[in-house]
C-alpha atoms as a PDB file:
ATOM      1  CA  MET A   1      -4.397  -4.932  13.853  1.00  0.00           C
ATOM      2  CA  ASN A   2      -4.579  -1.296  13.220  1.00  0.00           C
ATOM      3  CA  TYR A   3      -3.211  -0.061  10.148  1.00  0.00           C
ATOM      4  CA  TYR A   4      -4.025   3.329  10.861  1.00  0.00           C
ATOM      5  CA  ARG A   5      -2.210   2.956  13.705  1.00  0.00           C
ATOM      6  CA  LEU A   6       0.740   0.325  12.545  1.00  0.00           C
ATOM      7  CA  LEU A   7       1.681   2.931   9.241  1.00  0.00           C
ATOM      8  CA  SER A   8       0.763   6.271  12.218  1.00  0.00           C
ATOM      9  CA  ILE A   9      -0.974   7.708   9.673  1.00  0.00           C
ATOM     10  CA  PRO A  10      -4.695   9.467  10.713  1.00  0.00           C
ATOM     11  CA  PRO A  11      -8.299   7.758   9.383  1.00  0.00           C
ATOM     12  CA  ASN A  12      -9.085   9.868   7.011  1.00  0.00           C
ATOM     13  CA  ALA A  13      -5.005  10.055   5.594  1.00  0.00           C
ATOM     14  CA  ASN A  14      -5.246  10.293   1.201  1.00  0.00           C
ATOM     15  CA  ILE A  15      -2.834   8.643  -0.910  1.00  0.00           C
ATOM     16  CA  LEU A  16       0.176  10.407  -0.529  1.00  0.00           C
ATOM     17  CA  GLU A  17      -0.039  10.196   2.516  1.00  0.00           C
ATOM     18  CA  VAL A  18      -0.367   6.279   3.080  1.00  0.00           C
ATOM     19  CA  LEU A  19       2.536   5.962   0.369  1.00  0.00           C
ATOM     20  CA  ARG A  20       5.074   8.563   2.367  1.00  0.00           C
ATOM     21  CA  GLN A  21       4.777   6.579   5.365  1.00  0.00           C
ATOM     22  CA  TYR A  22       5.079   3.613   3.916  1.00  0.00           C
ATOM     23  CA  GLN A  23       7.828   4.549   2.716  1.00  0.00           C
ATOM     24  CA  ILE A  24       9.307   5.792   5.825  1.00  0.00           C
ATOM     25  CA  LYS A  25       8.127   3.028   7.933  1.00  0.00           C
ATOM     26  CA  CYS A  26       9.851   0.315   5.809  1.00  0.00           C
ATOM     27  CA  LEU A  27      12.929   2.471   6.199  1.00  0.00           C
ATOM     28  CA  ASN A  28      13.562   2.718   9.089  1.00  0.00           C
ATOM     29  CA  ASN A  29      12.358  -1.120  10.384  1.00  0.00           C
ATOM     30  CA  PRO A  30      12.752  -3.083   8.097  1.00  0.00           C
ATOM     31  CA  GLN A  31      11.904  -5.980  10.337  1.00  0.00           C
ATOM     32  CA  ASN A  32       8.319  -4.935   9.844  1.00  0.00           C
ATOM     33  CA  ILE A  33       8.417  -5.315   6.005  1.00  0.00           C
ATOM     34  CA  PHE A  34       5.432  -8.068   5.816  1.00  0.00           C
ATOM     35  CA  LEU A  35       3.094  -6.564   7.786  1.00  0.00           C
ATOM     36  CA  TYR A  36       3.284  -3.364   6.584  1.00  0.00           C
ATOM     37  CA  THR A  37       2.655  -3.963   2.592  1.00  0.00           C
ATOM     38  CA  MET A  38      -0.816  -5.849   3.449  1.00  0.00           C
ATOM     39  CA  GLY A  39      -1.663  -2.247   5.708  1.00  0.00           C
ATOM     40  CA  LEU A  40      -0.378  -0.691   2.355  1.00  0.00           C
ATOM     41  CA  GLN A  41      -2.311  -3.719   0.102  1.00  0.00           C
ATOM     42  CA  ILE A  42      -5.630  -2.257   1.984  1.00  0.00           C
ATOM     43  CA  LEU A  43      -5.655   1.482   2.374  1.00  0.00           C
ATOM     44  CA  THR A  44      -4.670   1.566  -1.601  1.00  0.00           C
ATOM     45  CA  ASP A  45      -7.444   0.127  -2.657  1.00  0.00           C
ATOM     46  CA  PRO A  46     -10.623   2.100  -2.166  1.00  0.00           C
ATOM     47  CA  HIS A  47     -12.891  -1.370  -1.991  1.00  0.00           C
ATOM     48  CA  LYS A  48     -10.978  -3.099   0.518  1.00  0.00           C
ATOM     49  CA  ARG A  49     -10.160   0.123   2.584  1.00  0.00           C
ATOM     50  CA  MET A  50     -14.071   1.100   3.195  1.00  0.00           C
ATOM     51  CA  PHE A  51     -14.457  -2.318   3.997  1.00  0.00           C
ATOM     52  CA  TYR A  52     -11.282  -2.150   6.714  1.00  0.00           C
ATOM     53  CA  ASP A  53     -13.188   0.711   7.433  1.00  0.00           C
ATOM     54  CA  ALA A  54     -16.588  -0.406   7.712  1.00  0.00           C
ATOM     55  CA  SER A  55     -15.461  -3.625  10.305  1.00  0.00           C
ATOM     56  CA  LEU A  56     -12.659  -1.342  11.873  1.00  0.00           C
ATOM     57  CA  PHE A  57     -15.387   1.476  13.040  1.00  0.00           C
ATOM     58  CA  LYS A  58     -18.261  -0.328  13.505  1.00  0.00           C
ATOM     59  CA  ILE A  59     -19.802   1.932  10.868  1.00  0.00           C
ATOM     60  CA  ASN A  60     -22.570   0.878   8.073  1.00  0.00           C
ATOM     61  CA  VAL A  61     -20.891   0.038   4.664  1.00  0.00           C
ATOM     62  CA  LEU A  62     -23.979   1.360   3.087  1.00  0.00           C
ATOM     63  CA  ALA A  63     -23.996   4.511   5.036  1.00  0.00           C
ATOM     64  CA  LEU A  64     -19.636   4.327   4.150  1.00  0.00           C
ATOM     65  CA  ILE A  65     -20.479   4.079   0.594  1.00  0.00           C
ATOM     66  CA  SER A  66     -21.485   7.163   0.276  1.00  0.00           C
ATOM     67  CA  SER A  67     -18.762   9.010   1.401  1.00  0.00           C
ATOM     68  CA  HIS A  68     -16.396   6.504  -0.226  1.00  0.00           C
ATOM     69  CA  TYR A  69     -12.377   7.122  -1.106  1.00  0.00           C
ATOM     70  CA  ASP A  70     -12.010   9.286  -4.091  1.00  0.00           C
ATOM     71  CA  TYR A  71      -8.555   9.189  -5.365  1.00  0.00           C
ATOM     72  CA  ASN A  72      -9.385  10.825  -8.401  1.00  0.00           C
ATOM     73  CA  TYR A  73      -8.788  14.035  -6.450  1.00  0.00           C
ATOM     74  CA  ILE A  74      -4.798  13.101  -5.802  1.00  0.00           C
ATOM     75  CA  GLU A  75      -2.477  14.781  -8.137  1.00  0.00           C
ATOM     76  CA  GLU A  76      -1.419  12.453 -10.377  1.00  0.00           C
ATOM     77  CA  TRP A  77       1.478  13.537 -10.733  1.00  0.00           C
ATOM     78  CA  GLU A  78       2.960  12.943  -7.243  1.00  0.00           C
ATOM     79  CA  LEU A  79       2.396   8.987  -7.513  1.00  0.00           C
ATOM     80  CA  ILE A  80       4.872   9.000 -10.339  1.00  0.00           C
ATOM     81  CA  PRO A  81       7.496   9.195  -7.412  1.00  0.00           C
ATOM     82  CA  PHE A  82       5.958   6.751  -5.268  1.00  0.00           C
ATOM     83  CA  ILE A  83       5.461   3.726  -7.869  1.00  0.00           C
ATOM     84  CA  GLU A  84       9.219   4.237  -8.936  1.00  0.00           C
ATOM     85  CA  TRP A  85      10.509   4.011  -5.632  1.00  0.00           C
ATOM     86  CA  LEU A  86       8.104   1.496  -4.826  1.00  0.00           C
ATOM     87  CA  ASN A  87       8.818  -0.367  -7.199  1.00  0.00           C
ATOM     88  CA  ASN A  88      12.261  -0.116  -7.112  1.00  0.00           C
ATOM     89  CA  PHE A  89      12.263  -0.724  -3.419  1.00  0.00           C
ATOM     90  CA  LYS A  90      10.387  -4.150  -4.785  1.00  0.00           C
ATOM     91  CA  ASP A  91      13.068  -5.562  -6.763  1.00  0.00           C
ATOM     92  CA  PHE A  92      16.129  -4.639  -4.513  1.00  0.00           C
ATOM     93  CA  PHE A  93      13.938  -6.223  -1.167  1.00  0.00           C
ATOM     94  CA  TYR A  94      13.125  -9.069  -3.557  1.00  0.00           C
ATOM     95  CA  ASP A  95      17.109  -9.957  -3.599  1.00  0.00           C
ATOM     96  CA  THR A  96      17.308 -10.276  -0.240  1.00  0.00           C
ATOM     97  CA  LYS A  97      16.142 -14.268  -0.924  1.00  0.00           C
ATOM     98  CA  TYR A  98      18.658 -15.037  -2.128  1.00  0.00           C
ATOM     99  CA  PHE A  99      20.939 -15.218   0.776  1.00  0.00           C
ATOM    100  CA  THR A 100      19.057 -17.408   2.884  1.00  0.00           C
ATOM    101  CA  ASN A 101      17.998 -20.866   1.675  1.00  0.00           C
ATOM    102  CA  ASP A 102      15.390 -20.307   4.509  1.00  0.00           C
ATOM    103  CA  ILE A 103      12.335 -21.811   2.403  1.00  0.00           C
ATOM    104  CA  LYS A 104       9.666 -20.304   4.509  1.00  0.00           C
ATOM    105  CA  TYR A 105      11.094 -16.756   3.647  1.00  0.00           C
ATOM    106  CA  ASN A 106      11.336 -17.725   0.792  1.00  0.00           C
ATOM    107  CA  LYS A 107       7.665 -18.085   0.170  1.00  0.00           C
ATOM    108  CA  LEU A 108       6.888 -15.132   2.379  1.00  0.00           C
ATOM    109  CA  MET A 109       9.096 -13.573  -0.385  1.00  0.00           C
ATOM    110  CA  GLU A 110       7.257 -14.767  -2.989  1.00  0.00           C
ATOM    111  CA  LYS A 111       3.462 -13.631  -1.556  1.00  0.00           C
ATOM    112  CA  TRP A 112       5.054 -10.176  -1.441  1.00  0.00           C
ATOM    113  CA  TYR A 113       6.296  -9.623  -4.168  1.00  0.00           C
ATOM    114  CA  ASP A 114       3.081 -11.045  -5.521  1.00  0.00           C
ATOM    115  CA  ILE A 115       1.233  -8.304  -3.484  1.00  0.00           C
ATOM    116  CA  ILE A 116       3.108  -5.341  -4.413  1.00  0.00           C
ATOM    117  CA  GLU A 117       2.959  -6.211  -7.914  1.00  0.00           C
ATOM    118  CA  GLN A 118      -0.877  -5.315  -7.488  1.00  0.00           C
ATOM    119  CA  ILE A 119      -0.297  -2.450  -5.198  1.00  0.00           C
ATOM    120  CA  ILE A 120       1.866  -0.998  -8.519  1.00  0.00           C
ATOM    121  CA  GLU A 121      -1.255  -1.869 -10.363  1.00  0.00           C
ATOM    122  CA  GLN A 122      -3.433  -1.003  -8.374  1.00  0.00           C
ATOM    123  CA  LEU A 123      -1.580   2.685  -8.381  1.00  0.00           C
ATOM    124  CA  LYS A 124      -0.950   3.389 -12.123  1.00  0.00           C
ATOM    125  CA  SER A 125      -4.490   2.751 -12.968  1.00  0.00           C
ATOM    126  CA  TYR A 126      -4.906   5.873 -10.814  1.00  0.00           C
ATOM    127  CA  ILE A 127      -3.402   8.428 -13.543  1.00  0.00           C
ATOM    128  CA  LYS A 128      -5.635   8.494 -15.719  1.00  0.00           C
ATOM    129  CA  THR A 129      -3.698  11.906 -17.471  1.00  0.00           C
ATOM    130  CA  PHE A 130      -2.026  10.025 -21.208  1.00  0.00           C
ATOM    131  CA  TYR A 131       1.899  12.120 -20.504  1.00  0.00           C
ATOM    132  CA  LEU A 132       1.869  10.668 -16.885  1.00  0.00           C
ATOM    133  CA  THR A 133       2.038   6.820 -18.317  1.00  0.00           C
END
């Protein structure tokens, strides 16, 4: 599975491009939300993304560390709308579990919810400016 291809982004996409495409993909193809979320989880975390890229592109991890993804260069204020959208989307989508009695779906939804919570916290950690927090 290539998460870059899945989210229709280039391998050098920054975090904002990843978030934009995740948003577009989720709204246009909700049946693949769990798959998109797995990609989002990896591509928004610099450490996970580094190891994912190393395995995907057969790159030496030590060489990759020197050119790691530095999310400090993103405009922090641009993250806020995505964090808010993701938080609202998480609550909205999570509520779908109440419309079914499918135990497997409900367990999957619980796991998805926890992953989205982790992603939101990761995104919040990129915001260093006091007045944005």
